[in-house]
Amino acid sequence: MHVKVGDTVEIIAGADRGRGGDPTRATVLRVLRDKQKVVVEGVNRVYKHIRRSQRNPQGGRLSKEMPISWSNVAIFCPSCGKATKMGARYLDDGSKERFCKKCGAATGQLAPARQAYASKS
């Protein structure tokens, strides 16, 4: 899946799916590729209990986001307004871009132009 930091995603499975009847949309904060997980803003929040210390004299509970599987998110396409799958394609100049598979709109560049992938025409 082509999930990058800063993408707007929709939660399609799990406990945080559809809070309040609306689809849950949020921004990706981190991508953990080796674990196939993403950290999404405001999703899968847990409390981490902090012991009192020199650095943190108060102690208490810290609310933080934990990773969720990237199979539980779908990238939100701003042009068609739906959660979609993304594809990759090469342009005529040899650069690689992501595109929405529903409407075909480009959503960002994946790789710079390379002569080997440029069209011959």
PDB file of N, CA and C in Angstrom:
ATOM      1  N   MET A   1       0.846  -1.176   0.000  1.00  0.00           N
ATOM      2  CA  MET A   1       0.000   0.000   0.000  1.00  0.00           C
ATOM      3  C   MET A   1       0.889   1.236   0.000  1.00  0.00           C
ATOM      4  N   HIS A   2       0.473   2.244  -0.697  1.00  0.00           N
ATOM      5  CA  HIS A   2       1.256   3.467  -0.833  1.00  0.00           C
ATOM      6  C   HIS A   2       0.807   4.508   0.179  1.00  0.00           C
ATOM      7  N   VAL A   3       1.042   4.252   1.452  1.00  0.00           N
ATOM      8  CA  VAL A   3       0.685   5.196   2.501  1.00  0.00           C
ATOM      9  C   VAL A   3       1.923   5.987   2.873  1.00  0.00           C
ATOM     10  N   LYS A   4       1.787   7.313   2.893  1.00  0.00           N
ATOM     11  CA  LYS A   4       2.900   8.181   3.240  1.00  0.00           C
ATOM     12  C   LYS A   4       2.502   9.077   4.401  1.00  0.00           C
ATOM     13  N   VAL A   5       3.493   9.627   5.075  1.00  0.00           N
ATOM     14  CA  VAL A   5       3.242  10.558   6.171  1.00  0.00           C
ATOM     15  C   VAL A   5       2.540  11.793   5.612  1.00  0.00           C
ATOM     16  N   GLY A   6       1.481  12.199   6.278  1.00  0.00           N
ATOM     17  CA  GLY A   6       0.727  13.371   5.841  1.00  0.00           C
ATOM     18  C   GLY A   6      -0.501  13.044   5.011  1.00  0.00           C
ATOM     19  N   ASP A   7      -0.681  11.786   4.607  1.00  0.00           N
ATOM     20  CA  ASP A   7      -1.872  11.400   3.852  1.00  0.00           C
ATOM     21  C   ASP A   7      -3.104  11.462   4.744  1.00  0.00           C
ATOM     22  N   THR A   8      -4.229  11.796   4.154  1.00  0.00           N
ATOM     23  CA  THR A   8      -5.505  11.710   4.849  1.00  0.00           C
ATOM     24  C   THR A   8      -6.068  10.328   4.575  1.00  0.00           C
ATOM     25  N   VAL A   9      -6.378   9.599   5.641  1.00  0.00           N
ATOM     26  CA  VAL A   9      -6.883   8.241   5.498  1.00  0.00           C
ATOM     27  C   VAL A   9      -8.230   8.121   6.188  1.00  0.00           C
ATOM     28  N   GLU A  10      -8.979   7.104   5.791  1.00  0.00           N
ATOM     29  CA  GLU A  10     -10.250   6.786   6.416  1.00  0.00           C
ATOM     30  C   GLU A  10     -10.104   5.431   7.092  1.00  0.00           C
ATOM     31  N   ILE A  11     -10.546   5.330   8.320  1.00  0.00           N
ATOM     32  CA  ILE A  11     -10.466   4.078   9.066  1.00  0.00           C
ATOM     33  C   ILE A  11     -11.610   3.188   8.585  1.00  0.00           C
ATOM     34  N   ILE A  12     -11.274   2.013   8.030  1.00  0.00           N
ATOM     35  CA  ILE A  12     -12.297   1.139   7.466  1.00  0.00           C
ATOM     36  C   ILE A  12     -12.560  -0.099   8.315  1.00  0.00           C
ATOM     37  N   ALA A  13     -11.750  -0.340   9.353  1.00  0.00           N
ATOM     38  CA  ALA A  13     -11.947  -1.497  10.218  1.00  0.00           C
ATOM     39  C   ALA A  13     -11.379  -1.184  11.593  1.00  0.00           C
ATOM     40  N   GLY A  14     -11.874  -1.893  12.603  1.00  0.00           N
ATOM     41  CA  GLY A  14     -11.353  -1.725  13.953  1.00  0.00           C
ATOM     42  C   GLY A  14     -12.293  -0.934  14.835  1.00  0.00           C
ATOM     43  N   ALA A  15     -11.856  -0.704  16.057  1.00  0.00           N
ATOM     44  CA  ALA A  15     -12.691  -0.053  17.061  1.00  0.00           C
ATOM     45  C   ALA A  15     -12.963   1.414  16.739  1.00  0.00           C
ATOM     46  N   ASP A  16     -12.074   2.083  16.015  1.00  0.00           N
ATOM     47  CA  ASP A  16     -12.241   3.509  15.729  1.00  0.00           C
ATOM     48  C   ASP A  16     -12.955   3.774  14.415  1.00  0.00           C
ATOM     49  N   ARG A  17     -13.506   2.750  13.774  1.00  0.00           N
ATOM     50  CA  ARG A  17     -14.214   2.925  12.510  1.00  0.00           C
ATOM     51  C   ARG A  17     -15.573   3.558  12.758  1.00  0.00           C
ATOM     52  N   GLY A  18     -15.855   4.648  12.061  1.00  0.00           N
ATOM     53  CA  GLY A  18     -17.178   5.246  12.084  1.00  0.00           C
ATOM     54  C   GLY A  18     -17.633   5.769  13.424  1.00  0.00           C
ATOM     55  N   ARG A  19     -16.775   6.508  14.121  1.00  0.00           N
ATOM     56  CA  ARG A  19     -17.186   7.110  15.393  1.00  0.00           C
ATOM     57  C   ARG A  19     -18.269   8.140  15.124  1.00  0.00           C
ATOM     58  N   GLY A  20     -19.399   8.024  15.790  1.00  0.00           N
ATOM     59  CA  GLY A  20     -20.479   8.996  15.654  1.00  0.00           C
ATOM     60  C   GLY A  20     -21.254   8.870  14.358  1.00  0.00           C
ATOM     61  N   GLY A  21     -21.152   7.737  13.663  1.00  0.00           N
ATOM     62  CA  GLY A  21     -21.891   7.552  12.422  1.00  0.00           C
ATOM     63  C   GLY A  21     -21.167   8.038  11.186  1.00  0.00           C
ATOM     64  N   ASP A  22     -20.242   8.968  11.329  1.00  0.00           N
ATOM     65  CA  ASP A  22     -19.494   9.475  10.189  1.00  0.00           C
ATOM     66  C   ASP A  22     -18.239   8.645   9.984  1.00  0.00           C
ATOM     67  N   PRO A  23     -17.740   8.572   8.748  1.00  0.00           N
ATOM     68  CA  PRO A  23     -16.463   7.900   8.542  1.00  0.00           C
ATOM     69  C   PRO A  23     -15.345   8.663   9.251  1.00  0.00           C
ATOM     70  N   THR A  24     -14.459   7.936   9.893  1.00  0.00           N
ATOM     71  CA  THR A  24     -13.364   8.561  10.618  1.00  0.00           C
ATOM     72  C   THR A  24     -12.233   8.862   9.649  1.00  0.00           C
ATOM     73  N   ARG A  25     -11.932  10.138   9.463  1.00  0.00           N
ATOM     74  CA  ARG A  25     -10.827  10.560   8.608  1.00  0.00           C
ATOM     75  C   ARG A  25      -9.796  11.270   9.464  1.00  0.00           C
ATOM     76  N   ALA A  26      -8.527  10.957   9.223  1.00  0.00           N
ATOM     77  CA  ALA A  26      -7.455  11.564  10.009  1.00  0.00           C
ATOM     78  C   ALA A  26      -6.173  11.544   9.193  1.00  0.00           C
ATOM     79  N   THR A  27      -5.125  12.143   9.754  1.00  0.00           N
ATOM     80  CA  THR A  27      -3.838  12.271   9.081  1.00  0.00           C
ATOM     81  C   THR A  27      -2.858  11.237   9.615  1.00  0.00           C
ATOM     82  N   VAL A  28      -2.039  10.692   8.716  1.00  0.00           N
ATOM     83  CA  VAL A  28      -1.012   9.719   9.096  1.00  0.00           C
ATOM     84  C   VAL A  28       0.172  10.477   9.697  1.00  0.00           C
ATOM     85  N   LEU A  29       0.581  10.077  10.913  1.00  0.00           N
ATOM     86  CA  LEU A  29       1.708  10.713  11.591  1.00  0.00           C
ATOM     87  C   LEU A  29       3.021   9.976  11.337  1.00  0.00           C
ATOM     88  N   ARG A  30       2.971   8.622  11.350  1.00  0.00           N
ATOM     89  CA  ARG A  30       4.170   7.805  11.129  1.00  0.00           C
ATOM     90  C   ARG A  30       3.786   6.553  10.366  1.00  0.00           C
ATOM     91  N   VAL A  31       4.734   6.028   9.592  1.00  0.00           N
ATOM     92  CA  VAL A  31       4.545   4.765   8.883  1.00  0.00           C
ATOM     93  C   VAL A  31       5.640   3.817   9.348  1.00  0.00           C
ATOM     94  N   LEU A  32       5.246   2.664   9.895  1.00  0.00           N
ATOM     95  CA  LEU A  32       6.183   1.645  10.353  1.00  0.00           C
ATOM     96  C   LEU A  32       6.178   0.518   9.327  1.00  0.00           C
ATOM     97  N   ARG A  33       7.029   0.625   8.300  1.00  0.00           N
ATOM     98  CA  ARG A  33       6.998  -0.306   7.172  1.00  0.00           C
ATOM     99  C   ARG A  33       7.371  -1.729   7.567  1.00  0.00           C
ATOM    100  N   ASP A  34       8.329  -1.905   8.475  1.00  0.00           N
ATOM    101  CA  ASP A  34       8.753  -3.255   8.849  1.00  0.00           C
ATOM    102  C   ASP A  34       7.658  -4.008   9.595  1.00  0.00           C
ATOM    103  N   LYS A  35       6.790  -3.296  10.313  1.00  0.00           N
ATOM    104  CA  LYS A  35       5.697  -3.924  11.054  1.00  0.00           C
ATOM    105  C   LYS A  35       4.364  -3.838  10.319  1.00  0.00           C
ATOM    106  N   GLN A  36       4.329  -3.186   9.158  1.00  0.00           N
ATOM    107  CA  GLN A  36       3.129  -2.964   8.349  1.00  0.00           C
ATOM    108  C   GLN A  36       2.034  -2.289   9.169  1.00  0.00           C
ATOM    109  N   LYS A  37       2.421  -1.199   9.846  1.00  0.00           N
ATOM    110  CA  LYS A  37       1.488  -0.452  10.678  1.00  0.00           C
ATOM    111  C   LYS A  37       1.641   1.044  10.410  1.00  0.00           C
ATOM    112  N   VAL A  38       0.609   1.792  10.761  1.00  0.00           N
ATOM    113  CA  VAL A  38       0.634   3.247  10.657  1.00  0.00           C
ATOM    114  C   VAL A  38       0.124   3.835  11.964  1.00  0.00           C
ATOM    115  N   VAL A  39       0.628   5.017  12.298  1.00  0.00           N
ATOM    116  CA  VAL A  39       0.136   5.774  13.454  1.00  0.00           C
ATOM    117  C   VAL A  39      -0.699   6.913  12.888  1.00  0.00           C
ATOM    118  N   VAL A  40      -1.971   6.940  13.262  1.00  0.00           N
ATOM    119  CA  VAL A  40      -2.920   7.908  12.729  1.00  0.00           C
ATOM    120  C   VAL A  40      -3.338   8.848  13.847  1.00  0.00           C
ATOM    121  N   GLU A  41      -3.449  10.122  13.521  1.00  0.00           N
ATOM    122  CA  GLU A  41      -3.759  11.160  14.506  1.00  0.00           C
ATOM    123  C   GLU A  41      -5.139  10.941  15.122  1.00  0.00           C
ATOM    124  N   GLY A  42      -5.190  10.799  16.457  1.00  0.00           N
ATOM    125  CA  GLY A  42      -6.439  10.671  17.186  1.00  0.00           C
ATOM    126  C   GLY A  42      -7.079   9.300  17.148  1.00  0.00           C
ATOM    127  N   VAL A  43      -6.399   8.299  16.588  1.00  0.00           N
ATOM    128  CA  VAL A  43      -6.965   6.957  16.451  1.00  0.00           C
ATOM    129  C   VAL A  43      -6.168   5.988  17.309  1.00  0.00           C
ATOM    130  N   ASN A  44      -6.857   5.044  17.947  1.00  0.00           N
ATOM    131  CA  ASN A  44      -6.252   4.022  18.802  1.00  0.00           C
ATOM    132  C   ASN A  44      -5.469   4.659  19.948  1.00  0.00           C
ATOM    133  N   ARG A  45      -6.126   5.564  20.657  1.00  0.00           N
ATOM    134  CA  ARG A  45      -5.489   6.253  21.787  1.00  0.00           C
ATOM    135  C   ARG A  45      -5.503   5.357  23.016  1.00  0.00           C
ATOM    136  N   VAL A  46      -4.383   5.343  23.722  1.00  0.00           N
ATOM    137  CA  VAL A  46      -4.250   4.578  24.958  1.00  0.00           C
ATOM    138  C   VAL A  46      -3.637   5.487  26.010  1.00  0.00           C
ATOM    139  N   TYR A  47      -3.767   5.083  27.281  1.00  0.00           N
ATOM    140  CA  TYR A  47      -3.137   5.822  28.370  1.00  0.00           C
ATOM    141  C   TYR A  47      -1.853   5.132  28.765  1.00  0.00           C
ATOM    142  N   LYS A  48      -0.761   5.900  28.805  1.00  0.00           N
ATOM    143  CA  LYS A  48       0.512   5.399  29.306  1.00  0.00           C
ATOM    144  C   LYS A  48       0.711   6.028  30.678  1.00  0.00           C
ATOM    145  N   HIS A  49       0.865   5.202  31.686  1.00  0.00           N
ATOM    146  CA  HIS A  49       1.012   5.687  33.049  1.00  0.00           C
ATOM    147  C   HIS A  49       2.474   6.045  33.290  1.00  0.00           C
ATOM    148  N   ILE A  50       2.716   7.279  33.752  1.00  0.00           N
ATOM    149  CA  ILE A  50       4.062   7.814  33.944  1.00  0.00           C
ATOM    150  C   ILE A  50       4.363   7.880  35.434  1.00  0.00           C
ATOM    151  N   ARG A  51       5.463   7.267  35.838  1.00  0.00           N
ATOM    152  CA  ARG A  51       5.902   7.328  37.228  1.00  0.00           C
ATOM    153  C   ARG A  51       6.516   8.702  37.506  1.00  0.00           C
ATOM    154  N   ARG A  52       6.403   9.171  38.743  1.00  0.00           N
ATOM    155  CA  ARG A  52       7.028  10.444  39.107  1.00  0.00           C
ATOM    156  C   ARG A  52       8.538  10.296  39.019  1.00  0.00           C
ATOM    157  N   SER A  53       9.198  11.326  38.489  1.00  0.00           N
ATOM    158  CA  SER A  53      10.659  11.290  38.345  1.00  0.00           C
ATOM    159  C   SER A  53      11.184  12.722  38.343  1.00  0.00           C
ATOM    160  N   GLN A  54      12.491  12.863  38.200  1.00  0.00           N
ATOM    161  CA  GLN A  54      13.109  14.193  38.111  1.00  0.00           C
ATOM    162  C   GLN A  54      12.572  14.936  36.887  1.00  0.00           C
ATOM    163  N   ARG A  55      12.477  14.223  35.776  1.00  0.00           N
ATOM    164  CA  ARG A  55      12.025  14.851  34.532  1.00  0.00           C
ATOM    165  C   ARG A  55      10.534  15.165  34.584  1.00  0.00           C
ATOM    166  N   ASN A  56       9.755  14.279  35.190  1.00  0.00           N
ATOM    167  CA  ASN A  56       8.315  14.444  35.261  1.00  0.00           C
ATOM    168  C   ASN A  56       7.881  14.372  36.731  1.00  0.00           C
ATOM    169  N   PRO A  57       7.979  15.470  37.499  1.00  0.00           N
ATOM    170  CA  PRO A  57       7.693  15.422  38.932  1.00  0.00           C
ATOM    171  C   PRO A  57       6.216  15.176  39.254  1.00  0.00           C
ATOM    172  N   GLN A  58       5.322  15.488  38.332  1.00  0.00           N
ATOM    173  CA  GLN A  58       3.893  15.309  38.573  1.00  0.00           C
ATOM    174  C   GLN A  58       3.475  13.846  38.431  1.00  0.00           C
ATOM    175  N   GLY A  59       4.016  13.150  37.414  1.00  0.00           N
ATOM    176  CA  GLY A  59       3.540  11.797  37.123  1.00  0.00           C
ATOM    177  C   GLY A  59       2.183  11.873  36.453  1.00  0.00           C
ATOM    178  N   GLY A  60       1.486  10.765  36.365  1.00  0.00           N
ATOM    179  CA  GLY A  60       0.123  10.780  35.834  1.00  0.00           C
ATOM    180  C   GLY A  60      -0.038   9.922  34.606  1.00  0.00           C
ATOM    181  N   ARG A  61      -1.074  10.263  33.814  1.00  0.00           N
ATOM    182  CA  ARG A  61      -1.406   9.489  32.622  1.00  0.00           C
ATOM    183  C   ARG A  61      -1.186  10.320  31.379  1.00  0.00           C
ATOM    184  N   LEU A  62      -0.511   9.736  30.398  1.00  0.00           N
ATOM    185  CA  LEU A  62      -0.239  10.389  29.121  1.00  0.00           C
ATOM    186  C   LEU A  62      -1.054   9.669  28.053  1.00  0.00           C
ATOM    187  N   SER A  63      -1.881  10.395  27.309  1.00  0.00           N
ATOM    188  CA  SER A  63      -2.676   9.806  26.236  1.00  0.00           C
ATOM    189  C   SER A  63      -1.882   9.896  24.942  1.00  0.00           C
ATOM    190  N   LYS A  64      -1.705   8.765  24.271  1.00  0.00           N
ATOM    191  CA  LYS A  64      -0.921   8.752  23.033  1.00  0.00           C
ATOM    192  C   LYS A  64      -1.542   7.805  22.028  1.00  0.00           C
ATOM    193  N   GLU A  65      -1.200   8.019  20.744  1.00  0.00           N
ATOM    194  CA  GLU A  65      -1.692   7.166  19.670  1.00  0.00           C
ATOM    195  C   GLU A  65      -0.778   5.954  19.520  1.00  0.00           C
ATOM    196  N   MET A  66      -1.383   4.791  19.290  1.00  0.00           N
ATOM    197  CA  MET A  66      -0.635   3.571  19.045  1.00  0.00           C
ATOM    198  C   MET A  66      -0.848   3.150  17.590  1.00  0.00           C
ATOM    199  N   PRO A  67       0.064   2.335  17.050  1.00  0.00           N
ATOM    200  CA  PRO A  67      -0.058   1.939  15.646  1.00  0.00           C
ATOM    201  C   PRO A  67      -1.248   1.009  15.402  1.00  0.00           C
ATOM    202  N   ILE A  68      -1.804   1.116  14.192  1.00  0.00           N
ATOM    203  CA  ILE A  68      -2.824   0.180  13.727  1.00  0.00           C
ATOM    204  C   ILE A  68      -2.334  -0.416  12.416  1.00  0.00           C
ATOM    205  N   SER A  69      -2.892  -1.542  12.047  1.00  0.00           N
ATOM    206  CA  SER A  69      -2.490  -2.214  10.810  1.00  0.00           C
ATOM    207  C   SER A  69      -2.883  -1.352   9.616  1.00  0.00           C
ATOM    208  N   TRP A  70      -2.021  -1.323   8.600  1.00  0.00           N
ATOM    209  CA  TRP A  70      -2.333  -0.481   7.454  1.00  0.00           C
ATOM    210  C   TRP A  70      -3.389  -1.109   6.561  1.00  0.00           C
ATOM    211  N   SER A  71      -3.813  -2.339   6.859  1.00  0.00           N
ATOM    212  CA  SER A  71      -4.950  -2.916   6.143  1.00  0.00           C
ATOM    213  C   SER A  71      -6.264  -2.355   6.664  1.00  0.00           C
ATOM    214  N   ASN A  72      -6.244  -1.661   7.797  1.00  0.00           N
ATOM    215  CA  ASN A  72      -7.448  -1.074   8.384  1.00  0.00           C
ATOM    216  C   ASN A  72      -7.679   0.364   7.941  1.00  0.00           C
ATOM    217  N   VAL A  73      -6.844   0.879   7.039  1.00  0.00           N
ATOM    218  CA  VAL A  73      -7.017   2.247   6.548  1.00  0.00           C
ATOM    219  C   VAL A  73      -7.093   2.242   5.028  1.00  0.00           C
ATOM    220  N   ALA A  74      -7.808   3.221   4.489  1.00  0.00           N
ATOM    221  CA  ALA A  74      -7.871   3.451   3.051  1.00  0.00           C
ATOM    222  C   ALA A  74      -7.572   4.921   2.813  1.00  0.00           C
ATOM    223  N   ILE A  75      -6.806   5.208   1.795  1.00  0.00           N
ATOM    224  CA  ILE A  75      -6.435   6.593   1.498  1.00  0.00           C
ATOM    225  C   ILE A  75      -7.660   7.337   0.978  1.00  0.00           C
ATOM    226  N   PHE A  76      -7.856   8.556   1.481  1.00  0.00           N
ATOM    227  CA  PHE A  76      -8.989   9.391   1.109  1.00  0.00           C
ATOM    228  C   PHE A  76      -8.582  10.259  -0.070  1.00  0.00           C
ATOM    229  N   CYS A  77      -9.320  10.144  -1.180  1.00  0.00           N
ATOM    230  CA  CYS A  77      -9.042  10.942  -2.381  1.00  0.00           C
ATOM    231  C   CYS A  77      -9.800  12.261  -2.286  1.00  0.00           C
ATOM    232  N   PRO A  78      -9.094  13.403  -2.309  1.00  0.00           N
ATOM    233  CA  PRO A  78      -9.799  14.687  -2.184  1.00  0.00           C
ATOM    234  C   PRO A  78     -10.607  15.055  -3.431  1.00  0.00           C
ATOM    235  N   SER A  79     -10.241  14.545  -4.612  1.00  0.00           N
ATOM    236  CA  SER A  79     -10.950  14.938  -5.826  1.00  0.00           C
ATOM    237  C   SER A  79     -12.298  14.231  -5.962  1.00  0.00           C
ATOM    238  N   CYS A  80     -12.366  12.929  -5.652  1.00  0.00           N
ATOM    239  CA  CYS A  80     -13.662  12.243  -5.749  1.00  0.00           C
ATOM    240  C   CYS A  80     -14.367  12.154  -4.399  1.00  0.00           C
ATOM    241  N   GLY A  81     -13.687  12.462  -3.293  1.00  0.00           N
ATOM    242  CA  GLY A  81     -14.307  12.514  -1.982  1.00  0.00           C
ATOM    243  C   GLY A  81     -14.632  11.156  -1.380  1.00  0.00           C
ATOM    244  N   LYS A  82     -13.879  10.118  -1.762  1.00  0.00           N
ATOM    245  CA  LYS A  82     -14.130   8.778  -1.255  1.00  0.00           C
ATOM    246  C   LYS A  82     -12.820   8.128  -0.833  1.00  0.00           C
ATOM    247  N   ALA A  83     -12.943   7.098   0.013  1.00  0.00           N
ATOM    248  CA  ALA A  83     -11.783   6.291   0.363  1.00  0.00           C
ATOM    249  C   ALA A  83     -11.538   5.308  -0.772  1.00  0.00           C
ATOM    250  N   THR A  84     -10.328   5.296  -1.319  1.00  0.00           N
ATOM    251  CA  THR A  84     -10.048   4.498  -2.509  1.00  0.00           C
ATOM    252  C   THR A  84      -8.734   3.761  -2.378  1.00  0.00           C
ATOM    253  N   LYS A  85      -8.495   2.878  -3.331  1.00  0.00           N
ATOM    254  CA  LYS A  85      -7.186   2.270  -3.483  1.00  0.00           C
ATOM    255  C   LYS A  85      -6.356   3.181  -4.368  1.00  0.00           C
ATOM    256  N   MET A  86      -5.051   3.146  -4.158  1.00  0.00           N
ATOM    257  CA  MET A  86      -4.151   3.949  -4.962  1.00  0.00           C
ATOM    258  C   MET A  86      -3.338   3.038  -5.870  1.00  0.00           C
ATOM    259  N   GLY A  87      -2.980   3.559  -7.012  1.00  0.00           N
ATOM    260  CA  GLY A  87      -2.125   2.845  -7.945  1.00  0.00           C
ATOM    261  C   GLY A  87      -0.914   3.696  -8.260  1.00  0.00           C
ATOM    262  N   ALA A  88       0.046   3.098  -8.945  1.00  0.00           N
ATOM    263  CA  ALA A  88       1.243   3.826  -9.369  1.00  0.00           C
ATOM    264  C   ALA A  88       1.355   3.721 -10.884  1.00  0.00           C
ATOM    265  N   ARG A  89       1.759   4.812 -11.519  1.00  0.00           N
ATOM    266  CA  ARG A  89       1.941   4.804 -12.969  1.00  0.00           C
ATOM    267  C   ARG A  89       3.110   5.702 -13.335  1.00  0.00           C
ATOM    268  N   TYR A  90       3.684   5.422 -14.494  1.00  0.00           N
ATOM    269  CA  TYR A  90       4.771   6.237 -15.019  1.00  0.00           C
ATOM    270  C   TYR A  90       4.207   7.256 -15.995  1.00  0.00           C
ATOM    271  N   LEU A  91       4.709   8.465 -15.905  1.00  0.00           N
ATOM    272  CA  LEU A  91       4.304   9.519 -16.823  1.00  0.00           C
ATOM    273  C   LEU A  91       5.206   9.493 -18.047  1.00  0.00           C
ATOM    274  N   ASP A  92       4.923  10.354 -19.018  1.00  0.00           N
ATOM    275  CA  ASP A  92       5.701  10.378 -20.258  1.00  0.00           C
ATOM    276  C   ASP A  92       7.156  10.782 -20.039  1.00  0.00           C
ATOM    277  N   ASP A  93       7.419  11.613 -19.020  1.00  0.00           N
ATOM    278  CA  ASP A  93       8.794  12.039 -18.761  1.00  0.00           C
ATOM    279  C   ASP A  93       9.584  11.022 -17.934  1.00  0.00           C
ATOM    280  N   GLY A  94       8.949   9.934 -17.491  1.00  0.00           N
ATOM    281  CA  GLY A  94       9.637   8.896 -16.736  1.00  0.00           C
ATOM    282  C   GLY A  94       9.480   9.011 -15.237  1.00  0.00           C
ATOM    283  N   SER A  95       8.711   9.975 -14.745  1.00  0.00           N
ATOM    284  CA  SER A  95       8.490  10.094 -13.306  1.00  0.00           C
ATOM    285  C   SER A  95       7.329   9.180 -12.894  1.00  0.00           C
ATOM    286  N   LYS A  96       7.328   8.764 -11.647  1.00  0.00           N
ATOM    287  CA  LYS A  96       6.318   7.846 -11.131  1.00  0.00           C
ATOM    288  C   LYS A  96       5.412   8.608 -10.186  1.00  0.00           C
ATOM    289  N   GLU A  97       4.102   8.412 -10.329  1.00  0.00           N
ATOM    290  CA  GLU A  97       3.140   9.118  -9.488  1.00  0.00           C
ATOM    291  C   GLU A  97       2.080   8.165  -8.963  1.00  0.00           C
ATOM    292  N   ARG A  98       1.424   8.588  -7.851  1.00  0.00           N
ATOM    293  CA  ARG A  98       0.281   7.861  -7.321  1.00  0.00           C
ATOM    294  C   ARG A  98      -0.977   8.420  -7.956  1.00  0.00           C
ATOM    295  N   PHE A  99      -1.983   7.539  -8.139  1.00  0.00           N
ATOM    296  CA  PHE A  99      -3.251   8.018  -8.678  1.00  0.00           C
ATOM    297  C   PHE A  99      -4.402   7.248  -8.042  1.00  0.00           C
ATOM    298  N   CYS A 100      -5.549   7.884  -8.019  1.00  0.00           N
ATOM    299  CA  CYS A 100      -6.763   7.292  -7.477  1.00  0.00           C
ATOM    300  C   CYS A 100      -7.318   6.311  -8.496  1.00  0.00           C
ATOM    301  N   LYS A 101      -7.639   5.092  -8.061  1.00  0.00           N
ATOM    302  CA  LYS A 101      -8.142   4.091  -8.990  1.00  0.00           C
ATOM    303  C   LYS A 101      -9.613   4.307  -9.332  1.00  0.00           C
ATOM    304  N   LYS A 102     -10.340   5.148  -8.583  1.00  0.00           N
ATOM    305  CA  LYS A 102     -11.741   5.412  -8.904  1.00  0.00           C
ATOM    306  C   LYS A 102     -11.885   6.529  -9.923  1.00  0.00           C
ATOM    307  N   CYS A 103     -11.179   7.643  -9.691  1.00  0.00           N
ATOM    308  CA  CYS A 103     -11.363   8.794 -10.576  1.00  0.00           C
ATOM    309  C   CYS A 103     -10.159   9.073 -11.468  1.00  0.00           C
ATOM    310  N   GLY A 104      -9.015   8.467 -11.177  1.00  0.00           N
ATOM    311  CA  GLY A 104      -7.826   8.643 -12.015  1.00  0.00           C
ATOM    312  C   GLY A 104      -7.022   9.891 -11.715  1.00  0.00           C
ATOM    313  N   ALA A 105      -7.380  10.641 -10.682  1.00  0.00           N
ATOM    314  CA  ALA A 105      -6.671  11.881 -10.355  1.00  0.00           C
ATOM    315  C   ALA A 105      -5.324  11.575  -9.707  1.00  0.00           C
ATOM    316  N   ALA A 106      -4.316  12.369 -10.040  1.00  0.00           N
ATOM    317  CA  ALA A 106      -2.986  12.217  -9.462  1.00  0.00           C
ATOM    318  C   ALA A 106      -2.987  12.772  -8.042  1.00  0.00           C
ATOM    319  N   THR A 107      -2.288  12.060  -7.117  1.00  0.00           N
ATOM    320  CA  THR A 107      -2.254  12.505  -5.730  1.00  0.00           C
ATOM    321  C   THR A 107      -0.853  12.793  -5.234  1.00  0.00           C
ATOM    322  N   GLY A 108       0.148  12.675  -6.077  1.00  0.00           N
ATOM    323  CA  GLY A 108       1.497  13.000  -5.642  1.00  0.00           C
ATOM    324  C   GLY A 108       2.538  12.169  -6.358  1.00  0.00           C
ATOM    325  N   GLN A 109       3.753  12.692  -6.363  1.00  0.00           N
ATOM    326  CA  GLN A 109       4.849  12.030  -7.050  1.00  0.00           C
ATOM    327  C   GLN A 109       5.537  11.034  -6.124  1.00  0.00           C
ATOM    328  N   LEU A 110       5.866   9.851  -6.658  1.00  0.00           N
ATOM    329  CA  LEU A 110       6.564   8.827  -5.890  1.00  0.00           C
ATOM    330  C   LEU A 110       8.059   8.813  -6.177  1.00  0.00           C
ATOM    331  N   ALA A 111       8.443   9.062  -7.426  1.00  0.00           N
ATOM    332  CA  ALA A 111       9.850   9.008  -7.802  1.00  0.00           C
ATOM    333  C   ALA A 111      10.129  10.061  -8.870  1.00  0.00           C
ATOM    334  N   PRO A 112      11.336  10.619  -8.882  1.00  0.00           N
ATOM    335  CA  PRO A 112      11.662  11.616  -9.906  1.00  0.00           C
ATOM    336  C   PRO A 112      11.799  10.968 -11.286  1.00  0.00           C
ATOM    337  N   ALA A 113      11.902  11.802 -12.289  1.00  0.00           N
ATOM    338  CA  ALA A 113      11.982  11.328 -13.669  1.00  0.00           C
ATOM    339  C   ALA A 113      13.262  10.539 -13.906  1.00  0.00           C
ATOM    340  N   ARG A 114      13.117   9.391 -14.602  1.00  0.00           N
ATOM    341  CA  ARG A 114      14.251   8.566 -15.000  1.00  0.00           C
ATOM    342  C   ARG A 114      14.161   8.315 -16.495  1.00  0.00           C
ATOM    343  N   GLN A 115      15.266   8.412 -17.162  1.00  0.00           N
ATOM    344  CA  GLN A 115      15.312   8.275 -18.618  1.00  0.00           C
ATOM    345  C   GLN A 115      14.862   6.879 -19.064  1.00  0.00           C
ATOM    346  N   ALA A 116      15.133   5.846 -18.263  1.00  0.00           N
ATOM    347  CA  ALA A 116      14.785   4.480 -18.657  1.00  0.00           C
ATOM    348  C   ALA A 116      13.283   4.267 -18.741  1.00  0.00           C
ATOM    349  N   TYR A 117      12.480   5.037 -18.014  1.00  0.00           N
ATOM    350  CA  TYR A 117      11.036   4.872 -18.013  1.00  0.00           C
ATOM    351  C   TYR A 117      10.315   5.919 -18.853  1.00  0.00           C
ATOM    352  N   ALA A 118      11.031   6.806 -19.514  1.00  0.00           N
ATOM    353  CA  ALA A 118      10.421   7.821 -20.338  1.00  0.00           C
ATOM    354  C   ALA A 118       9.894   7.169 -21.618  1.00  0.00           C
ATOM    355  N   SER A 119       8.762   7.696 -22.119  1.00  0.00           N
ATOM    356  CA  SER A 119       8.195   7.133 -23.346  1.00  0.00           C
ATOM    357  C   SER A 119       9.071   7.537 -24.530  1.00  0.00           C
ATOM    358  N   LYS A 120       9.100   6.690 -25.533  1.00  0.00           N
ATOM    359  CA  LYS A 120       9.999   6.875 -26.675  1.00  0.00           C
ATOM    360  C   LYS A 120       9.458   7.848 -27.707  1.00  0.00           C
ATOM    361  N   SER A 121       8.185   8.211 -27.637  1.00  0.00           N
ATOM    362  CA  SER A 121       7.596   9.061 -28.674  1.00  0.00           C
ATOM    363  C   SER A 121       7.953  10.501 -28.531  1.00  0.00           C
TER     364      SER A 121
END
